[in-house]
Every structure is written in structure tokens, then in C-alpha cells.
Protein backbone atom coordinates (compact mmCIF):
# COMPACT_ATOMS: atom_id res chain seq x y z
CA MET A 1 -29.72 10.39 -8.11
CA ILE A 2 -26.61 11.31 -9.71
CA ALA A 3 -24.56 9.92 -7.11
CA THR A 4 -26.57 6.66 -7.10
CA ILE A 5 -25.69 6.38 -10.83
CA ARG A 6 -22.27 6.97 -10.35
CA ILE A 7 -22.18 4.46 -7.36
CA ALA A 8 -23.93 1.82 -9.59
CA ARG A 9 -21.52 2.47 -12.70
CA ALA A 10 -18.27 2.23 -10.59
CA LEU A 11 -19.27 -1.18 -8.91
CA LEU A 12 -19.95 -2.66 -12.04
CA VAL A 13 -17.35 -1.50 -14.08
CA ILE A 14 -14.96 -2.57 -10.99
CA GLY A 15 -16.89 -6.14 -10.72
CA GLY A 16 -17.01 -6.67 -14.82
CA MET A 17 -13.00 -5.87 -14.82
CA THR A 18 -12.35 -8.35 -11.79
CA ILE A 19 -15.00 -11.31 -13.35
CA LEU A 20 -12.67 -10.57 -16.66
CA PHE A 21 -9.23 -10.52 -15.29
CA ALA A 22 -9.72 -13.13 -12.22
CA PRO A 23 -9.27 -16.16 -14.30
CA PHE A 24 -6.03 -15.05 -15.75
CA GLN A 25 -4.41 -14.14 -12.24
CA ILE A 26 -5.49 -17.35 -10.38
CA VAL A 27 -3.93 -19.49 -12.97
CA GLY A 28 -0.82 -17.43 -12.51
CA VAL A 29 -0.71 -17.47 -8.81
CA LYS A 30 -1.50 -21.13 -8.34
CA THR A 31 0.74 -22.01 -11.04
CA GLY A 32 3.59 -19.81 -10.85
CA TRP A 33 4.08 -19.27 -14.20
CA TRP A 34 3.51 -15.44 -14.31
CA ARG A 35 3.08 -12.70 -11.61
CA GLY A 36 0.47 -10.62 -13.26
CA ARG A 37 2.26 -7.59 -12.73
CA ARG A 38 1.01 -5.63 -15.62
CA LEU A 39 -2.67 -7.04 -14.86
CA LEU A 40 -2.82 -5.98 -11.43
CA ARG A 41 -1.39 -2.38 -12.24
CA THR A 42 -4.18 -1.93 -14.70
CA TRP A 43 -6.71 -3.28 -12.48
CA HIS A 44 -5.90 -0.49 -9.94
CA ARG A 45 -5.89 2.20 -12.25
CA VAL A 46 -8.92 1.44 -13.38
CA ALA A 47 -10.35 0.96 -10.04
CA ALA A 48 -8.57 4.30 -8.81
CA ARG A 49 -10.51 6.10 -11.66
CA MET A 50 -13.77 4.56 -11.14
CA ILE A 51 -13.65 5.39 -7.09
CA GLY A 52 -12.64 8.84 -8.03
CA LEU A 53 -9.15 9.05 -6.91
CA ARG A 54 -6.98 11.36 -8.73
CA VAL A 55 -3.61 10.25 -8.09
CA ARG A 56 -0.38 12.65 -8.25
CA VAL A 57 3.06 10.91 -8.16
CA PHE A 58 6.19 12.61 -7.08
CA GLY A 59 9.30 10.34 -7.71
CA GLU A 60 9.39 6.66 -8.27
CA PRO A 61 10.51 3.68 -6.80
CA ALA A 62 14.15 2.90 -6.81
CA ALA A 63 15.89 1.00 -9.70
CA GLY A 64 17.99 -1.10 -7.22
CA ARG A 65 17.03 -4.45 -5.81
CA PRO A 66 16.15 -6.03 -3.62
CA LEU A 67 13.47 -3.12 -2.70
CA MET A 68 11.41 -2.83 0.18
CA LEU A 69 8.96 -0.18 0.34
CA ALA A 70 7.59 1.42 3.85
CA SER A 71 4.96 3.59 3.76
CA ASN A 72 2.06 5.14 6.15
CA HIS A 73 -1.30 3.52 6.24
CA VAL A 74 -4.12 5.66 6.01
CA SER A 75 -7.26 3.40 4.34
CA TRP A 76 -7.95 0.52 1.87
CA LEU A 77 -7.75 2.83 -0.54
CA ASP A 78 -3.78 3.06 -0.27
CA ILE A 79 -3.68 -0.38 -1.56
CA VAL A 80 -5.53 0.91 -4.83
CA THR A 81 -3.37 3.97 -4.74
CA LEU A 82 -0.02 2.40 -4.35
CA GLY A 83 -1.19 -0.54 -6.76
CA SER A 84 -1.78 2.05 -9.50
CA VAL A 85 1.58 3.48 -9.46
CA ALA A 86 4.05 0.69 -8.83
CA ASP A 87 4.36 -3.07 -9.26
CA VAL A 88 4.35 -4.11 -5.68
CA SER A 89 2.96 -6.77 -3.29
CA PHE A 90 1.81 -6.12 0.00
CA ILE A 91 2.59 -7.13 3.74
CA ALA A 92 -1.04 -7.54 5.17
CA LYS A 93 -2.25 -8.25 8.47
CA SER A 94 -3.43 -11.93 8.60
CA GLU A 95 -7.10 -11.18 8.82
CA VAL A 96 -7.19 -9.50 5.65
CA ALA A 97 -6.75 -13.06 3.45
CA SER A 98 -10.60 -13.96 5.54
CA TRP A 99 -12.29 -10.85 4.41
CA PRO A 100 -15.08 -11.05 1.90
CA VAL A 101 -13.78 -10.07 -1.54
CA PHE A 102 -11.03 -8.07 -0.30
CA GLY A 103 -9.16 -11.21 0.92
CA PHE A 104 -9.67 -12.50 -2.58
CA PHE A 105 -7.65 -9.32 -3.82
CA SER A 106 -5.06 -9.59 -1.21
CA LYS A 107 -4.07 -13.14 -2.29
CA MET A 108 -4.45 -12.10 -6.17
CA GLN A 109 -1.92 -9.60 -5.43
CA ARG A 110 0.08 -12.10 -3.84
CA SER A 111 0.33 -10.28 -0.52
CA VAL A 112 2.26 -11.71 2.24
CA HIS A 113 -0.36 -12.39 5.82
CA ILE A 114 1.34 -11.88 8.68
CA GLU A 115 0.22 -12.42 12.30
CA ARG A 116 1.44 -9.49 14.12
CA ASP A 117 0.09 -10.80 17.43
CA LYS A 118 2.20 -14.15 17.28
CA ARG A 119 5.83 -13.12 17.96
CA GLY A 120 6.95 -16.82 17.96
CA ARG A 121 5.94 -16.61 14.19
CA SER A 122 7.97 -13.21 13.30
CA GLY A 123 10.94 -14.80 12.06
CA GLU A 124 9.32 -17.17 10.00
CA GLN A 125 7.27 -14.38 8.58
CA ALA A 126 10.06 -11.89 7.98
CA GLY A 127 11.93 -15.15 6.26
CA GLU A 128 8.70 -15.37 3.89
CA ILE A 129 9.12 -11.80 3.42
CA ALA A 130 12.84 -11.96 2.71
CA ARG A 131 12.40 -14.88 0.02
CA ARG A 132 10.26 -12.74 -1.98
CA LEU A 133 12.49 -10.04 -2.04
CA ALA A 134 15.33 -12.21 -3.14
CA ASP A 135 13.18 -13.22 -5.91
CA GLY A 136 12.84 -9.50 -7.03
CA ASP A 137 9.57 -8.77 -5.65
CA ILE A 138 9.10 -5.12 -4.84
CA MET A 139 7.54 -5.52 -1.01
CA LEU A 140 5.65 -2.80 0.53
CA LEU A 141 5.21 -2.64 4.40
CA PHE A 142 2.72 -0.64 6.13
CA GLY A 143 5.26 0.70 8.89
CA GLU A 144 2.51 1.45 11.48
CA GLY A 145 1.06 -1.76 11.63
CA THR A 146 -2.17 -0.02 11.63
CA THR A 147 -4.36 2.76 9.95
CA GLY A 148 -4.24 6.25 11.08
CA ASP A 149 -6.60 9.02 10.62
CA GLY A 150 -4.47 10.77 7.54
CA ASN A 151 -3.28 13.81 9.93
CA MET A 152 -0.43 12.14 11.30
CA VAL A 153 2.40 9.37 11.39
CA LEU A 154 2.19 6.57 14.14
CA PRO A 155 5.55 4.96 15.02
CA PHE A 156 6.61 2.53 12.96
CA LYS A 157 6.94 -1.08 14.27
CA THR A 158 10.76 -2.55 13.71
CA THR A 159 9.98 -6.16 13.82
CA LEU A 160 9.40 -6.85 10.11
CA PHE A 161 12.05 -4.79 9.31
CA GLY A 162 14.16 -7.70 10.32
CA ALA A 163 13.62 -9.31 6.89
CA ALA A 164 16.25 -7.08 5.89
CA SER A 165 18.79 -8.86 8.07
CA ILE A 166 17.20 -12.30 7.37
CA LEU A 167 17.88 -11.56 3.60
CA LEU A 168 21.41 -10.79 3.60
CA SER A 169 21.92 -13.62 5.97
CA ALA A 170 20.40 -16.34 3.62
CA SER A 171 21.17 -14.91 0.23
CA PRO A 172 23.84 -13.77 -2.02
CA HIS A 173 22.85 -10.34 -1.27
CA ASP A 174 25.23 -8.06 0.47
CA GLN A 175 22.56 -4.91 0.35
CA LEU A 176 19.15 -4.18 -0.12
CA TRP A 177 16.94 -0.87 -0.54
CA ILE A 178 14.62 0.51 1.89
CA GLN A 179 12.54 3.12 0.29
CA PRO A 180 9.99 5.62 2.55
CA VAL A 181 6.88 6.32 0.94
CA ALA A 182 4.19 8.54 1.65
CA VAL A 183 0.48 8.75 1.05
CA ALA A 184 -1.46 11.56 1.79
CA TYR A 185 -5.03 12.76 0.85
CA THR A 186 -4.80 16.31 0.08
CA ARG A 187 -8.18 17.59 -1.74
CA LEU A 188 -11.56 16.73 -1.60
CA HIS A 189 -13.57 18.25 -4.96
CA GLY A 190 -10.54 20.44 -5.79
CA LEU A 191 -10.51 21.78 -2.48
CA PRO A 192 -7.88 21.60 0.59
CA MET A 193 -9.03 18.81 2.84
CA GLY A 194 -8.57 19.60 6.31
CA ARG A 195 -8.91 17.59 9.24
CA ARG A 196 -12.55 17.72 9.26
CA HIS A 197 -12.99 16.30 6.11
CA ARG A 198 -10.18 13.77 6.26
CA PRO A 199 -12.34 10.95 7.97
CA LEU A 200 -14.04 10.59 4.57
CA VAL A 201 -11.05 8.53 3.14
CA SER A 202 -9.59 7.42 6.61
CA TRP A 203 -10.65 4.08 7.47
CA ILE A 204 -9.71 3.43 11.43
CA GLY A 205 -10.40 0.50 13.78
CA HIS A 206 -13.03 -1.75 12.83
CA GLN A 207 -15.20 0.61 10.69
CA ASP A 208 -17.63 -1.41 8.58
CA MET A 209 -16.08 -1.68 4.70
CA VAL A 210 -19.51 -1.11 3.00
CA PRO A 211 -20.55 2.22 4.48
CA HIS A 212 -17.07 3.53 4.01
CA LEU A 213 -17.03 2.52 0.51
CA LEU A 214 -20.21 4.02 -0.38
CA GLY A 215 -19.12 7.21 1.36
CA VAL A 216 -16.14 7.62 -0.91
CA LEU A 217 -18.03 6.59 -3.85
CA ARG A 218 -20.65 9.19 -3.13
CA GLU A 219 -17.97 11.82 -3.00
CA SER A 220 -15.93 10.56 -6.15
CA ALA A 221 -13.36 13.34 -6.07
CA VAL A 222 -10.25 13.07 -3.78
CA ASP A 223 -6.89 13.99 -4.57
CA VAL A 224 -4.16 11.79 -3.44
CA GLU A 225 -0.47 12.32 -3.34
CA VAL A 226 2.24 9.55 -3.26
CA HIS A 227 5.79 10.88 -2.36
CA PHE A 228 8.85 8.22 -2.95
CA GLY A 229 11.59 9.20 -0.65
CA GLU A 230 15.34 9.04 -1.00
CA PRO A 231 16.17 4.86 -0.69
CA VAL A 232 18.20 4.05 2.44
CA ALA A 233 21.05 1.11 1.72
CA PHE A 234 20.86 -1.63 4.34
CA ASP A 235 23.87 -3.73 4.90
CA SER A 236 25.23 -6.08 7.47
CA SER A 237 26.39 -3.20 9.47
CA SER A 238 23.21 -1.36 9.59
CA ASN A 239 20.99 -1.33 12.75
CA ARG A 240 17.45 -2.32 11.91
CA LYS A 241 15.96 -0.16 14.65
CA GLN A 242 17.84 2.99 13.64
CA VAL A 243 16.94 2.51 9.58
CA ALA A 244 13.22 2.08 10.73
CA ARG A 245 13.38 5.24 12.60
CA HIS A 246 14.83 7.01 9.95
CA VAL A 247 12.34 5.90 7.09
CA GLU A 248 9.71 7.07 9.58
CA GLU A 249 10.92 10.19 9.96
CA CYS A 250 11.07 10.41 6.12
CA VAL A 251 7.82 9.54 5.83
CA ARG A 252 6.48 12.07 8.24
CA ARG A 253 8.31 14.43 6.74
CA MET A 254 6.75 13.91 3.31
CA MET A 255 3.49 13.52 4.54
CA HIS A 256 3.06 16.90 6.61
CA ASP A 257 4.97 18.65 3.67
CA ALA A 258 2.23 17.42 1.23
CA LEU A 259 -0.72 18.26 3.29
CA ALA A 260 0.59 21.44 4.23
CA HIS A 261 1.21 22.26 0.29
CA PRO A 262 -0.96 20.24 -1.62
CA ALA A 263 -0.16 20.23 -5.13
CA PRO A 264 -2.93 22.31 -7.45
CA SER A 265 -6.00 19.97 -8.39
CA ARG A 266 -6.11 18.89 -12.21
């Protein structure tokens, strides 16, 4: 009964907030007269609280621009978590745009939707990311290209790191920054979350969204850590694949450290 009330309250608050904020964000996105960063961040912070995410942040986004963040990917919860701590736009797979509800949210976040299976379009898609970076947007790339189980980091795909090279060749910028970010789900109800419990938050493959969402809302007490690593300068002499491997290793190290030594629950 208590869990049912908690779920209903969370859905009502998030739904009501979405109805209130959506008209302003739609107008801003359609007309381009504002980017709605503060509005989006407020939405994510309230949503995180209602879902039951207790977010701990270590470090911060780099001050330098243009800036691309590269993170591991565990769940749709990553969107709410990262959106609550930084004013970012996401690089998402094209299918997300057509999802009920979440597709709308993704568009309002001003995400760039890419078709990973169409290699012929990779240059065009990287070009769009480069344009957004040049405009001052912080773009967040999920480097693995898919969701993992939350226990390990999968190899990063290097193709869309090519946006960095395109940016340098098509704008006055002579360098940009690529910053590793690790997302680690560490505790459940204040206790360290082991491999057995991490499937509660990890969203792998073609799991149905609604049962997964209800499962998270039912628990409503998940600690998640966001670690910002040292940014890497990328210029015309940089090797895209080497930079991607370096960033991947940084993310892997931060995530494993967070899982092995989770911060105390508050």
C-alpha cells in the first residue's frame, strides 16, 4: 500500500510538472529564442527526487568550451541523473525520438538523435554534434553506444568522437575539451548495492519500460554517484581513437572505484 501511494505521488508530481513546463520548452525549442537549460535542470532535479534517486556529485563540468562529456551508460535513469547536475544535451540513438513519452522528453532536451547502424550518415551526424558544440552547448555522448549492466564499462565506440575533428576543421576553434564522466549506482536503501541488486537500475536490451520504471519507483531509495574526470584537450594533432581509449579508461577507473568504495549514504 505504501509503495502504491509512493508510485502514484511520483507519477502525479512528474506529470504535473511536465504539463506546466512543456509549453514554455516547446516554444523555446521551436523558435530558438531560448534553450530552457534552467527549466530542464529543475525538471530533472524534481524528477530525480520523486523517483528516489539520491545523487552525489564529485567534481564538475570543465569550464573550457567547446565541451563534450563522455559517459558510461547503465539506464534511462542516467538521463535524469546527469540532467539534474549539469546543463547538457544528449546524443541519443534515433529510436528514442519515436518512443512514447520519452521521445517527447528527448526532443525537449534538444538531444541529437543518431542512426548508429547507418555508417553513411556518420559524418553528417557528427557534423550536427560539432555545430551544437560550436554554439556553446555541452554535448553528452554515451561512449558505449548501448546500456551496460552497471558492473562494468563496455568498450567505447570511437566514430562519433569524430565530431571533435569536424568541429576543428569547420570553426574558428583550435581545440575543444572532452571530459570523462562516470555514473555508478552504489547503494539501495543505504546499503551497498552488489551485482545481485544492480539489475534493479540497469536497463539492458529491449526491456519493457513500464515494469522497469515501476520497479525503481517501488524501491525509491537508490544512491547514484556522478564523477567528473580530468578533461582532455583535443586539437588538430590528436588521434581520435587514442583519445577515445584514454577517456574510456578514465571512466572505467572512476566507475570501479565508486563501486568498490561507495560514498556514505546521506
